[in-house]
Amino acid sequence: RSATDLMERAEMLESALKSISPVSSCNHTHSDLSEYVDLLMFLDQEESRLMQLLHSRLRMMPSSVFGPGRVIIYRTPASTESVFDKESEWQLPARIGIIVDISSALTMSSGKVIGVLGVEHSLGWLGGNGRVPASPPSIVVEQVPLNNVLAICSERLKVGRDIDTPETRASLLELWGTFDGVLGPPRLDLPKTLHVSDLDCVECSIAIKSTLKQLEGMDLHACDARPELVVPAFRKERIRSQMQLLQFQLSDQALRLIPEFHQRLEVMQHLEFVSSERTVQLKGRVSRELNTVHQELIVTQMIFENVLTPLPPEEIVALLSAFVYDGKESEPDAILPHSLVEAKQQTARIARRIGQLQEEVNLEGRLPIDEFMRKSMHFGLIEVVYHWAQGMPFGEICQLTEILEGSIVRCIVRLDEACREVRNAARITGDSVLFQKMEQASALIKRDIVFASSLYVS
């Protein structure tokens, strides 16, 4: 995006900021207004993060959670039509809706859409005025991309084939009159309901519940004039955050990063992650699935160069430990099967080739090739993980290395997530053999004290 576009955007935001003024009939000064708004900002961020995590972690969303009648909060489909989508969320309408069609809702892909019976609502932290309307809301039926869903609520209503009925309107209005005008309907505890044990998802859910509890316990929450006080302040804060981002993009620091951006883009084009027209290719789509490993380019190349598929599951997970563990190098007396040693050598050749490519494009801040390889792959736990996947007790594998037990546990837990991500990558490429092996690898390492809910076991 050009500097002129950014400057125009900054001027528009500044004008919008000046146009917002609080209108309140409250005679009290609320010292906790700023803290209340900060918590709303954090809630907004964590709700979006939780939905993104679930999109990346789950292949399917059960119909019991995401089926007909489920109440959701979502952005209008128009929010995907502008290049300023994410930056303009503060001024885009949000709606409370009821899912009426799940024919394509089960696949957790941002490209899919769901049928939603939606009504304009006024959730204060989503851009409305925080007030419940006195008249029945108008009903719209629209197709909504999954990535526009902001939250899944605990309420579920009955929806018949004829959705626009007096009964449906009455149910919507009754629901509308029960939830808080600023915070919205109660949320569904998604990790608990979906039996998702992923640490990031659970922590995110705990943060959301804690934030909602904090908000409800503040003095401002009991004020009748809360919507008039909070909504303008929240809108201002969101605009200010966008202005700070734009200021950075226009700063000298951001401009200095532009050459490095183009050099990294050139590397990805050479590796065919991105086309010459800057369109994300299949490799790019695969690399987006790999969030746990610290070298997505190398692991993606390993998938496409068939390094992983010929190996048995225990060797695959052992090799992947090099991209999850970030401690010291491999023990000198590590005893590994011949096929795993060959796979290590193939991986090293891939890493060297990427390092050489970075030198060819003169990437700023690049490391010398040998140092790049040393920092990209850490084989310190490859033997430990291999024997753990083979069923060796935890006490015995601790005797194989001087690495602390806590580091071993942390690596294996992260490897379970890496296995799921590589499995999803295999699904995208259509490699059913690798898909099955990654499921087996995850099952092999997910056992015993490493995945115990508590270390205080009898």
Protein backbone atom coordinates (compact mmCIF):
# COMPACT_ATOMS: atom_id res chain seq x y z
CA ARG A 1 0.00 0.00 0.00
CA SER A 2 1.38 3.43 -0.92
CA ALA A 3 2.24 6.14 1.58
CA THR A 4 -0.48 8.32 0.02
CA ASP A 5 -3.14 5.70 0.79
CA LEU A 6 -1.89 5.41 4.35
CA MET A 7 -1.95 9.16 4.84
CA GLU A 8 -5.51 9.36 3.49
CA ARG A 9 -6.47 6.55 5.82
CA ALA A 10 -4.88 8.39 8.78
CA GLU A 11 -6.80 11.58 7.93
CA MET A 12 -10.07 9.64 7.74
CA LEU A 13 -9.43 8.08 11.14
CA GLU A 14 -8.54 11.43 12.67
CA SER A 15 -11.75 12.94 11.30
CA ALA A 16 -13.76 9.99 12.69
CA LEU A 17 -12.07 10.43 16.06
CA LYS A 18 -13.07 14.07 16.27
CA SER A 19 -16.67 13.25 15.36
CA ILE A 20 -17.16 10.97 18.38
CA SER A 21 -18.36 12.73 21.49
CA PRO A 22 -19.83 11.16 24.66
CA VAL A 23 -23.51 11.85 25.35
CA SER A 24 -24.40 10.88 28.89
CA SER A 25 -27.05 11.76 31.43
CA CYS A 26 -24.90 10.38 34.26
CA ASN A 27 -24.02 12.88 36.98
CA HIS A 28 -21.25 10.75 38.48
CA THR A 29 -17.59 10.69 37.50
CA HIS A 30 -16.46 7.13 36.85
CA SER A 31 -12.74 6.80 37.52
CA ASP A 32 -12.81 3.22 36.18
CA LEU A 33 -14.01 4.17 32.67
CA SER A 34 -10.52 3.91 31.19
CA GLU A 35 -9.93 0.52 32.81
CA TYR A 36 -13.36 -0.69 31.64
CA VAL A 37 -12.55 0.25 28.05
CA ASP A 38 -9.11 -1.38 28.25
CA LEU A 39 -10.75 -4.61 29.40
CA LEU A 40 -13.23 -4.41 26.52
CA MET A 41 -10.33 -4.03 24.09
CA PHE A 42 -8.66 -7.07 25.62
CA LEU A 43 -11.94 -9.03 25.45
CA ASP A 44 -12.31 -8.13 21.78
CA GLN A 45 -8.76 -9.32 21.09
CA GLU A 46 -9.09 -12.60 22.98
CA GLU A 47 -12.47 -13.51 21.44
CA SER A 48 -11.01 -13.05 17.96
CA ARG A 49 -7.91 -15.03 18.94
CA LEU A 50 -9.97 -17.93 20.30
CA MET A 51 -11.98 -18.24 17.07
CA GLN A 52 -8.76 -18.16 15.02
CA LEU A 53 -7.21 -20.85 17.21
CA LEU A 54 -10.26 -23.08 16.82
CA HIS A 55 -10.21 -22.57 13.05
CA SER A 56 -6.59 -23.76 12.95
CA ARG A 57 -6.99 -26.60 15.49
CA LEU A 58 -10.25 -28.23 14.40
CA ARG A 59 -11.10 -29.91 11.14
CA MET A 60 -14.79 -30.14 11.98
CA MET A 61 -17.16 -28.20 14.23
CA PRO A 62 -19.84 -30.49 15.74
CA SER A 63 -23.42 -29.65 14.80
CA SER A 64 -24.33 -29.70 18.50
CA VAL A 65 -22.15 -26.62 18.90
CA PHE A 66 -22.43 -25.01 15.50
CA GLY A 67 -25.79 -26.17 14.21
CA PRO A 68 -29.26 -24.78 13.43
CA GLY A 69 -30.57 -22.49 16.14
CA ARG A 70 -27.18 -21.67 17.66
CA VAL A 71 -26.87 -17.98 18.50
CA ILE A 72 -23.68 -16.33 17.25
CA ILE A 73 -22.20 -12.84 16.99
CA TYR A 74 -20.79 -12.04 13.57
CA ARG A 75 -19.61 -9.29 11.29
CA THR A 76 -21.79 -8.53 8.30
CA PRO A 77 -20.58 -10.10 5.03
CA ALA A 78 -19.81 -6.60 3.77
CA SER A 79 -16.79 -6.65 6.08
CA THR A 80 -14.96 -8.86 3.58
CA GLU A 81 -15.42 -6.60 0.59
CA SER A 82 -12.98 -3.77 1.37
CA VAL A 83 -9.19 -3.69 1.49
CA PHE A 84 -9.54 -1.91 4.83
CA ASP A 85 -11.56 -4.74 6.41
CA LYS A 86 -9.62 -5.34 9.60
CA GLU A 87 -8.73 -1.71 10.04
CA SER A 88 -12.36 -0.56 9.71
CA GLU A 89 -14.00 -3.01 12.09
CA TRP A 90 -14.82 -0.19 14.48
CA GLN A 91 -17.29 1.27 11.97
CA LEU A 92 -18.69 -1.94 10.46
CA PRO A 93 -22.04 -3.22 11.76
CA ALA A 94 -22.16 -6.40 13.77
CA ARG A 95 -25.16 -8.65 14.19
CA ILE A 96 -26.53 -11.26 16.48
CA GLY A 97 -27.65 -14.23 14.42
CA ILE A 98 -29.07 -17.72 14.50
CA ILE A 99 -27.58 -20.42 12.29
CA VAL A 100 -30.22 -21.81 9.94
CA ASP A 101 -28.08 -23.86 7.54
CA ILE A 102 -25.17 -26.13 8.37
CA SER A 103 -24.68 -27.69 4.95
CA SER A 104 -21.24 -26.09 4.80
CA ALA A 105 -20.79 -24.97 8.40
CA LEU A 106 -19.05 -28.09 9.63
CA THR A 107 -15.81 -27.57 7.75
CA MET A 108 -13.57 -25.22 9.72
CA SER A 109 -12.33 -23.28 6.72
CA SER A 110 -12.46 -19.52 6.33
CA GLY A 111 -13.54 -20.02 2.73
CA LYS A 112 -16.84 -21.64 3.76
CA VAL A 113 -20.05 -19.79 4.50
CA ILE A 114 -22.99 -20.42 6.79
CA GLY A 115 -26.62 -19.46 6.51
CA VAL A 116 -27.54 -17.03 9.25
CA LEU A 117 -30.80 -15.52 10.38
CA GLY A 118 -29.43 -12.19 11.60
CA VAL A 119 -30.79 -9.08 13.24
CA GLU A 120 -29.13 -5.68 13.61
CA HIS A 121 -28.04 -5.38 17.21
CA SER A 122 -26.42 -2.75 19.36
CA LEU A 123 -23.62 -4.40 21.28
CA GLY A 124 -21.62 -1.49 22.54
CA TRP A 125 -18.17 -3.06 22.18
CA LEU A 126 -19.00 -4.07 18.62
CA GLY A 127 -19.97 -0.62 17.41
CA GLY A 128 -23.60 -0.22 18.48
CA ASN A 129 -25.15 2.07 21.05
CA GLY A 130 -25.55 -0.55 23.76
CA ARG A 131 -29.33 -0.13 24.01
CA VAL A 132 -32.03 -2.77 23.48
CA PRO A 133 -34.60 -1.71 20.86
CA ALA A 134 -38.23 -1.33 21.85
CA SER A 135 -39.65 -2.53 18.52
CA PRO A 136 -39.18 -5.98 16.96
CA PRO A 137 -35.91 -6.17 15.00
CA SER A 138 -35.81 -6.61 11.26
CA ILE A 139 -34.69 -10.02 10.09
CA VAL A 140 -32.16 -10.73 7.37
CA VAL A 141 -31.01 -14.06 5.97
CA GLU A 142 -27.46 -13.99 4.67
CA GLN A 143 -24.43 -16.12 3.90
CA VAL A 144 -21.60 -15.41 6.33
CA PRO A 145 -17.95 -16.56 5.94
CA LEU A 146 -16.73 -18.53 8.94
CA ASN A 147 -13.96 -16.05 9.64
CA ASN A 148 -16.62 -13.38 10.21
CA VAL A 149 -17.94 -15.23 13.27
CA LEU A 150 -16.81 -13.32 16.36
CA ALA A 151 -18.27 -15.47 19.13
CA ILE A 152 -20.47 -18.54 19.69
CA CYS A 153 -23.08 -18.01 22.39
CA SER A 154 -24.58 -20.47 24.86
CA GLU A 155 -28.17 -19.84 23.68
CA ARG A 156 -29.79 -22.14 21.13
CA LEU A 157 -33.26 -21.48 19.72
CA LYS A 158 -35.63 -23.62 17.69
CA VAL A 159 -35.73 -22.66 14.02
CA GLY A 160 -38.23 -24.18 11.62
CA ARG A 161 -38.12 -24.38 7.86
CA ASP A 162 -40.05 -21.14 7.56
CA ILE A 163 -37.63 -18.96 9.46
CA ASP A 164 -39.34 -15.56 9.12
CA THR A 165 -42.31 -16.24 11.42
CA PRO A 166 -43.93 -14.35 14.29
CA GLU A 167 -42.63 -17.04 16.65
CA THR A 168 -39.05 -16.54 15.45
CA ARG A 169 -39.36 -12.77 15.81
CA ALA A 170 -40.75 -13.18 19.32
CA SER A 171 -37.89 -15.51 20.28
CA LEU A 172 -35.33 -13.07 18.93
CA LEU A 173 -36.87 -10.12 20.72
CA GLU A 174 -37.09 -12.10 23.96
CA LEU A 175 -33.44 -13.08 23.63
CA TRP A 176 -32.47 -9.52 22.77
CA GLY A 177 -34.07 -8.23 25.94
CA THR A 178 -32.12 -10.61 28.19
CA PHE A 179 -28.49 -9.94 27.31
CA ASP A 180 -26.29 -7.08 28.39
CA GLY A 181 -26.33 -4.27 25.82
CA VAL A 182 -22.59 -3.68 26.02
CA LEU A 183 -21.19 -7.19 26.51
CA GLY A 184 -23.75 -9.23 24.57
CA PRO A 185 -25.15 -12.75 25.17
CA PRO A 186 -23.34 -15.26 27.41
CA ARG A 187 -20.58 -17.11 25.57
CA LEU A 188 -20.26 -20.86 25.16
CA ASP A 189 -17.20 -22.34 26.88
CA LEU A 190 -15.81 -23.69 23.61
CA PRO A 191 -12.67 -25.57 24.78
CA LYS A 192 -14.72 -27.39 27.45
CA THR A 193 -17.68 -28.10 25.16
CA LEU A 194 -15.47 -29.27 22.29
CA HIS A 195 -13.09 -31.18 24.60
CA VAL A 196 -10.17 -29.17 23.26
CA SER A 197 -7.14 -29.51 25.55
CA ASP A 198 -4.86 -27.24 23.52
CA LEU A 199 -3.09 -24.95 26.00
CA ASP A 200 -3.51 -21.78 23.91
CA CYS A 201 -7.26 -22.34 23.51
CA VAL A 202 -7.77 -23.09 27.20
CA GLU A 203 -5.73 -20.07 28.31
CA CYS A 204 -7.66 -17.86 25.90
CA SER A 205 -11.00 -19.14 27.21
CA ILE A 206 -9.91 -18.57 30.82
CA ALA A 207 -8.84 -15.03 29.94
CA ILE A 208 -12.24 -14.30 28.35
CA LYS A 209 -14.17 -15.58 31.38
CA SER A 210 -11.91 -13.70 33.78
CA THR A 211 -12.29 -10.47 31.80
CA LEU A 212 -16.08 -10.74 31.70
CA LYS A 213 -16.12 -11.34 35.46
CA GLN A 214 -13.91 -8.29 36.01
CA LEU A 215 -16.16 -6.11 33.87
CA GLU A 216 -19.32 -7.24 35.67
CA GLY A 217 -17.73 -6.51 39.05
CA MET A 218 -16.80 -2.89 38.30
CA ASP A 219 -18.82 0.06 39.63
CA LEU A 220 -19.37 1.39 36.12
CA HIS A 221 -21.12 -1.83 35.10
CA ALA A 222 -24.07 -0.99 37.37
CA CYS A 223 -24.53 2.52 35.96
CA ASP A 224 -27.64 3.08 33.83
CA ALA A 225 -25.69 5.46 31.62
CA ARG A 226 -22.93 2.90 30.96
CA PRO A 227 -23.65 2.52 27.21
CA GLU A 228 -23.47 6.28 26.61
CA LEU A 229 -20.18 6.44 28.53
CA VAL A 230 -18.49 3.28 27.32
CA VAL A 231 -19.41 3.07 23.64
CA PRO A 232 -17.84 6.40 22.52
CA ALA A 233 -14.74 5.75 24.66
CA PHE A 234 -14.36 2.26 23.20
CA ARG A 235 -14.74 3.50 19.62
CA LYS A 236 -12.13 6.18 20.27
CA GLU A 237 -9.71 3.62 21.68
CA ARG A 238 -10.08 1.34 18.67
CA ILE A 239 -9.51 4.24 16.29
CA ARG A 240 -6.45 5.34 18.26
CA SER A 241 -4.98 1.84 18.02
CA GLN A 242 -5.44 1.93 14.24
CA MET A 243 -3.84 5.37 14.09
CA GLN A 244 -0.82 4.08 16.00
CA LEU A 245 -0.47 1.25 13.48
CA LEU A 246 -0.64 3.69 10.58
CA GLN A 247 1.91 5.98 12.23
CA PHE A 248 4.29 3.06 12.47
CA GLN A 249 3.71 2.11 8.83
CA LEU A 250 4.58 5.69 7.85
CA SER A 251 7.60 5.87 10.16
CA ASP A 252 11.25 5.63 9.14
CA GLN A 253 11.54 2.30 10.97
CA ALA A 254 8.81 0.72 8.84
CA LEU A 255 10.31 2.14 5.66
CA ARG A 256 13.67 0.57 6.55
CA LEU A 257 11.95 -2.84 6.67
CA ILE A 258 10.60 -2.60 3.10
CA PRO A 259 13.81 -3.85 1.39
CA GLU A 260 13.94 -6.87 3.73
CA PHE A 261 10.26 -7.57 3.00
CA HIS A 262 10.92 -7.69 -0.75
CA GLN A 263 13.99 -9.89 -0.23
CA ARG A 264 12.03 -12.38 1.87
CA LEU A 265 9.27 -12.31 -0.73
CA GLU A 266 11.85 -13.16 -3.38
CA VAL A 267 13.00 -16.16 -1.33
CA MET A 268 9.41 -17.42 -1.10
CA GLN A 269 8.93 -16.91 -4.83
CA HIS A 270 12.07 -18.96 -5.56
CA LEU A 271 10.71 -21.73 -3.33
CA GLU A 272 7.27 -21.44 -5.01
CA PHE A 273 5.44 -20.48 -1.83
CA VAL A 274 4.22 -17.37 -3.64
CA SER A 275 3.72 -16.82 -7.38
CA SER A 276 5.28 -14.01 -9.38
CA GLU A 277 1.91 -12.22 -9.08
CA ARG A 278 2.22 -12.57 -5.26
CA THR A 279 -0.55 -15.14 -5.05
CA VAL A 280 -0.20 -17.69 -2.26
CA GLN A 281 0.52 -21.13 -3.74
CA LEU A 282 -0.05 -24.62 -2.28
CA LYS A 283 3.24 -24.51 -0.37
CA GLY A 284 2.23 -21.20 1.14
CA ARG A 285 -1.10 -22.64 2.26
CA VAL A 286 0.70 -25.57 3.87
CA SER A 287 3.20 -23.33 5.69
CA ARG A 288 0.32 -21.36 7.22
CA GLU A 289 -0.74 -24.52 9.06
CA LEU A 290 2.65 -24.78 10.79
CA ASN A 291 2.50 -22.48 13.80
CA THR A 292 4.37 -24.54 16.42
CA VAL A 293 7.59 -25.29 14.51
CA HIS A 294 10.11 -22.45 14.35
CA GLN A 295 11.16 -23.04 10.71
CA GLU A 296 8.03 -23.25 8.58
CA LEU A 297 9.93 -23.00 5.28
CA ILE A 298 12.18 -25.97 6.06
CA VAL A 299 9.36 -28.19 7.36
CA THR A 300 7.17 -27.34 4.36
CA GLN A 301 10.01 -28.27 2.00
CA MET A 302 10.44 -31.53 3.94
CA ILE A 303 6.77 -32.35 3.31
CA PHE A 304 6.95 -31.58 -0.41
CA GLU A 305 10.32 -33.34 -0.90
CA ASN A 306 8.91 -36.51 0.69
CA VAL A 307 11.31 -36.57 3.63
CA LEU A 308 8.66 -37.50 6.20
CA THR A 309 6.26 -39.87 4.45
CA PRO A 310 8.63 -42.89 4.07
CA LEU A 311 9.55 -42.81 7.77
CA PRO A 312 7.66 -44.69 10.51
CA PRO A 313 5.67 -42.47 12.92
CA GLU A 314 8.22 -42.64 15.76
CA GLU A 315 11.00 -41.42 13.45
CA ILE A 316 8.85 -38.63 12.00
CA VAL A 317 8.07 -37.19 15.42
CA ALA A 318 11.71 -37.53 16.46
CA LEU A 319 12.84 -35.59 13.39
CA LEU A 320 10.23 -32.87 13.99
CA SER A 321 11.62 -32.35 17.49
CA ALA A 322 14.50 -30.45 15.86
CA PHE A 323 12.05 -27.68 14.99
CA VAL A 324 10.28 -27.57 18.36
CA TYR A 325 13.15 -27.93 20.83
CA ASP A 326 15.40 -24.88 21.02
CA GLY A 327 18.10 -26.04 23.43
CA LYS A 328 21.61 -27.36 22.89
CA GLU A 329 22.77 -29.56 20.03
CA SER A 330 22.55 -33.34 19.75
CA GLU A 331 24.40 -35.61 22.15
CA PRO A 332 27.57 -37.00 20.47
CA ASP A 333 26.68 -40.63 21.26
CA ALA A 334 23.07 -40.51 20.02
CA ILE A 335 22.13 -43.90 18.53
CA LEU A 336 19.56 -43.56 15.74
CA PRO A 337 18.23 -45.90 13.02
CA HIS A 338 19.81 -45.55 9.58
CA SER A 339 16.61 -44.20 7.97
CA LEU A 340 16.39 -41.42 10.57
CA VAL A 341 20.04 -40.49 10.04
CA GLU A 342 19.40 -40.22 6.29
CA ALA A 343 16.32 -38.06 6.93
CA LYS A 344 18.46 -35.78 9.13
CA GLN A 345 20.93 -35.40 6.27
CA GLN A 346 18.14 -34.61 3.80
CA THR A 347 16.79 -32.01 6.21
CA ALA A 348 20.22 -30.46 6.56
CA ARG A 349 20.52 -30.19 2.77
CA ILE A 350 17.15 -28.42 2.61
CA ALA A 351 18.23 -25.97 5.33
CA ARG A 352 21.52 -25.29 3.55
CA ARG A 353 19.72 -24.64 0.27
CA ILE A 354 17.42 -22.10 1.93
CA GLY A 355 20.43 -20.46 3.60
CA GLN A 356 22.19 -20.20 0.23
CA LEU A 357 19.06 -18.73 -1.32
CA GLN A 358 19.00 -16.03 1.36
CA GLU A 359 22.58 -15.17 0.45
CA GLU A 360 21.74 -15.03 -3.25
CA VAL A 361 18.99 -12.45 -2.69
CA ASN A 362 21.29 -10.58 -0.27
CA LEU A 363 18.75 -10.80 2.55
CA GLU A 364 19.37 -8.13 5.16
CA GLY A 365 20.27 -9.43 8.60
CA ARG A 366 20.87 -12.95 7.31
CA LEU A 367 23.12 -15.35 9.20
CA PRO A 368 26.10 -17.16 7.66
CA ILE A 369 24.91 -20.47 6.21
CA ASP A 370 26.49 -22.70 8.87
CA GLU A 371 25.12 -20.55 11.68
CA PHE A 372 21.68 -20.44 10.00
CA MET A 373 21.63 -24.23 9.90
CA ARG A 374 22.80 -24.52 13.50
CA LYS A 375 20.10 -22.14 14.75
CA SER A 376 17.35 -23.59 12.54
CA MET A 377 17.62 -27.20 13.76
CA HIS A 378 18.22 -28.42 17.31
CA PHE A 379 18.61 -32.19 17.50
CA GLY A 380 19.25 -32.30 21.24
CA LEU A 381 16.14 -34.40 21.96
CA ILE A 382 15.85 -36.46 18.79
CA GLU A 383 17.01 -39.68 20.50
CA VAL A 384 14.88 -39.00 23.58
CA VAL A 385 11.72 -38.39 21.53
CA TYR A 386 12.42 -41.43 19.35
CA HIS A 387 12.60 -43.77 22.35
CA TRP A 388 9.62 -42.08 24.02
CA ALA A 389 7.53 -42.74 20.90
CA GLN A 390 8.68 -46.36 21.06
CA GLY A 391 7.24 -46.71 24.56
CA MET A 392 10.29 -46.31 26.81
CA PRO A 393 9.36 -45.16 30.37
CA PHE A 394 9.99 -41.52 31.23
CA GLY A 395 12.51 -42.38 33.94
CA GLU A 396 14.63 -44.30 31.46
CA ILE A 397 14.64 -41.67 28.71
CA CYS A 398 15.83 -39.11 31.28
CA GLN A 399 18.96 -41.23 31.61
CA LEU A 400 19.73 -40.73 27.91
CA THR A 401 20.44 -37.01 28.24
CA GLU A 402 21.49 -34.29 30.65
CA ILE A 403 18.62 -32.06 29.51
CA LEU A 404 16.22 -31.18 32.33
CA GLU A 405 13.01 -33.17 32.65
CA GLY A 406 10.88 -30.03 32.35
CA SER A 407 12.42 -29.22 28.95
CA ILE A 408 11.71 -32.77 27.78
CA VAL A 409 8.07 -32.55 28.85
CA ARG A 410 7.65 -29.11 27.24
CA CYS A 411 9.11 -30.35 23.95
CA ILE A 412 6.90 -33.46 23.80
CA VAL A 413 3.75 -31.48 24.60
CA ARG A 414 4.55 -28.99 21.82
CA LEU A 415 5.33 -31.89 19.49
CA ASP A 416 1.78 -33.16 19.90
CA GLU A 417 0.54 -29.85 18.54
CA ALA A 418 3.16 -29.95 15.75
CA CYS A 419 1.91 -33.43 14.78
CA ARG A 420 -1.63 -32.11 14.38
CA GLU A 421 -0.38 -29.21 12.27
CA VAL A 422 1.63 -31.46 9.95
CA ARG A 423 -1.40 -33.75 9.76
CA ASN A 424 -3.50 -30.79 8.60
CA ALA A 425 -0.78 -29.91 6.10
CA ALA A 426 -0.92 -33.49 4.76
CA ARG A 427 -4.68 -33.15 4.37
CA ILE A 428 -4.17 -30.02 2.25
CA THR A 429 -1.62 -31.75 0.01
CA GLY A 430 -3.73 -34.91 -0.26
CA ASP A 431 -1.05 -37.15 1.32
CA SER A 432 -3.26 -39.69 3.10
CA VAL A 433 -0.28 -41.81 4.16
CA LEU A 434 1.40 -38.93 5.98
CA PHE A 435 -1.96 -37.91 7.45
CA GLN A 436 -2.41 -41.34 9.05
CA LYS A 437 1.19 -41.49 10.23
CA MET A 438 0.90 -38.11 11.96
CA GLU A 439 -2.21 -39.30 13.80
CA GLN A 440 -0.28 -42.40 14.88
CA ALA A 441 2.72 -40.29 15.92
CA SER A 442 0.50 -38.09 18.08
CA ALA A 443 -1.01 -41.16 19.74
CA LEU A 444 2.45 -42.64 20.41
CA ILE A 445 3.79 -39.63 22.33
CA LYS A 446 0.56 -38.68 24.10
CA ARG A 447 0.87 -40.90 27.16
CA ASP A 448 2.02 -41.31 30.71
CA ILE A 449 3.22 -38.52 33.01
CA VAL A 450 4.01 -36.10 30.16
CA PHE A 451 0.29 -35.57 29.50
CA ALA A 452 -0.97 -36.13 33.03
CA SER A 453 -3.46 -33.47 34.18
CA SER A 454 -1.39 -33.07 37.36
CA LEU A 455 2.12 -34.14 38.38
CA TYR A 456 0.78 -34.97 41.84
CA VAL A 457 -0.23 -38.53 41.07
CA SER A 458 -0.53 -41.45 43.43
